[in-house]
Amino acid sequence: MENLKNVLFFYSSFTAKSGRIEYGIYCLVNILLSLLALDLYRNVNLDNEKILNIFYSCLIFLFTFVPMQAVTTRRLRELNANPTFVVFNFIPILNIAFKYSYYW
C-alpha cells in the first residue's frame, strides 16, 4: 500500500528513495503507455481524423517522461549510486559510450 501511495503522490519527487516494487510499477506503467502510444502512432492516416494520433502519442510520451526520470533518480539514490547518471538519458551518445565502457 505504501508503494501505491508513493506512485500516486510522489511521482515527480526527486528527493526521496524508491524501492524495487515502486520502480517496477513505474516501469510496467511506462511500458504499457509506450505500447499504447506506438499503437496510436502506427495507425496514423494523414487523410482523415487519425492525424490526431500523433498528438496523443506525443502527449503520452511527455506525461511519462518526468515521472520515469524522477523514479530512476530515486532508485539510483536507493542503490547508493550517483543520481547524476540520469543525465545519460538525455545525451544518447554518452549513454552508449558509458554502456560499452562498462563491459570493457
Protein backbone atom coordinates (compact mmCIF):
# COMPACT_ATOMS: atom_id res chain seq x y z
CA MET A 1 0.00 0.00 0.00
CA GLU A 2 2.92 2.31 0.71
CA ASN A 3 4.23 1.81 -2.82
CA LEU A 4 0.91 2.77 -4.39
CA LYS A 5 0.78 5.90 -2.22
CA ASN A 6 4.27 6.83 -3.43
CA VAL A 7 3.28 6.22 -7.05
CA LEU A 8 0.22 8.44 -6.79
CA PHE A 9 1.55 11.30 -4.66
CA PHE A 10 5.33 11.46 -5.20
CA TYR A 11 5.54 10.80 -8.93
CA SER A 12 7.64 13.90 -9.61
CA SER A 13 9.73 13.98 -6.44
CA PHE A 14 13.47 13.70 -6.95
CA THR A 15 14.36 13.83 -3.23
CA ALA A 16 13.28 10.56 -1.58
CA LYS A 17 14.32 6.97 -2.22
CA SER A 18 12.48 4.37 -4.28
CA GLY A 19 12.34 0.62 -3.76
CA ARG A 20 12.22 -2.20 -6.27
CA ILE A 21 8.46 -2.58 -6.25
CA GLU A 22 7.81 1.12 -6.82
CA TYR A 23 10.35 1.21 -9.64
CA GLY A 24 8.78 -1.91 -11.15
CA ILE A 25 5.34 -0.32 -11.08
CA TYR A 26 6.65 2.75 -12.87
CA CYS A 27 8.43 0.62 -15.47
CA LEU A 28 5.34 -1.50 -16.10
CA VAL A 29 3.09 1.54 -16.50
CA ASN A 30 5.68 3.22 -18.72
CA ILE A 31 5.94 0.14 -20.95
CA LEU A 32 2.16 -0.18 -21.27
CA LEU A 33 1.71 3.51 -22.09
CA SER A 34 4.58 3.39 -24.58
CA LEU A 35 2.95 0.44 -26.33
CA LEU A 36 -0.31 2.38 -26.47
CA ALA A 37 1.47 5.42 -27.91
CA LEU A 38 3.26 3.31 -30.50
CA ASP A 39 0.00 1.64 -31.50
CA LEU A 40 -1.62 5.05 -31.91
CA TYR A 41 1.32 6.24 -33.98
CA ARG A 42 1.21 3.13 -36.15
CA ASN A 43 -2.42 3.78 -37.04
CA VAL A 44 -1.81 7.31 -38.29
CA ASN A 45 -3.51 8.18 -41.54
CA LEU A 46 -2.81 11.63 -42.92
CA ASP A 47 -6.04 11.73 -44.93
CA ASN A 48 -8.57 11.67 -42.10
CA GLU A 49 -9.06 12.38 -38.40
CA LYS A 50 -6.48 9.81 -37.32
CA ILE A 51 -3.85 12.55 -37.65
CA LEU A 52 -4.62 13.37 -34.01
CA ASN A 53 -2.98 10.08 -33.02
CA ILE A 54 0.41 11.77 -33.47
CA PHE A 55 -0.62 14.38 -30.91
CA TYR A 56 -1.90 11.75 -28.48
CA SER A 57 1.24 9.63 -28.73
CA CYS A 58 3.48 12.65 -28.14
CA LEU A 59 1.31 13.62 -25.18
CA ILE A 60 1.68 10.16 -23.65
CA PHE A 61 5.47 10.30 -24.02
CA LEU A 62 5.62 13.75 -22.45
CA PHE A 63 3.48 12.78 -19.46
CA THR A 64 5.53 9.67 -18.72
CA PHE A 65 8.95 11.27 -19.13
CA VAL A 66 9.27 13.28 -15.89
CA PRO A 67 7.88 10.60 -13.54
CA MET A 68 10.19 7.98 -15.04
CA GLN A 69 13.21 10.25 -14.65
CA ALA A 70 12.19 11.02 -11.06
CA VAL A 71 11.79 7.36 -10.07
CA THR A 72 15.07 6.46 -11.78
CA THR A 73 16.85 9.15 -9.77
CA ARG A 74 15.23 7.91 -6.56
CA ARG A 75 16.17 4.31 -7.37
CA LEU A 76 19.78 5.29 -8.03
CA ARG A 77 19.80 7.07 -4.67
CA GLU A 78 18.46 3.90 -3.01
CA LEU A 79 21.30 1.89 -4.60
CA ASN A 80 23.85 4.47 -3.37
CA ALA A 81 24.82 5.24 -6.95
CA ASN A 82 25.37 8.72 -8.26
CA PRO A 83 21.96 10.11 -9.31
CA THR A 84 23.61 12.25 -11.99
CA PHE A 85 23.70 9.11 -14.16
CA VAL A 86 20.17 10.14 -15.17
CA VAL A 87 21.85 12.76 -17.37
CA PHE A 88 22.90 9.90 -19.67
CA ASN A 89 19.24 9.51 -20.67
CA PHE A 90 19.33 12.99 -22.17
CA ILE A 91 22.55 12.51 -24.16
CA PRO A 92 22.31 9.26 -26.14
CA ILE A 93 25.96 9.20 -27.30
CA LEU A 94 27.17 9.40 -23.69
CA ASN A 95 24.72 6.66 -22.77
CA ILE A 96 26.08 4.33 -25.45
CA ALA A 97 29.70 5.12 -24.56
CA PHE A 98 29.01 4.54 -20.87
CA LYS A 99 27.36 1.17 -21.55
CA TYR A 100 30.21 -0.06 -23.74
CA SER A 101 32.90 1.20 -21.37
CA TYR A 102 31.23 -0.72 -18.57
CA TYR A 103 31.66 -4.02 -20.44
CA TRP A 104 35.33 -3.47 -21.27
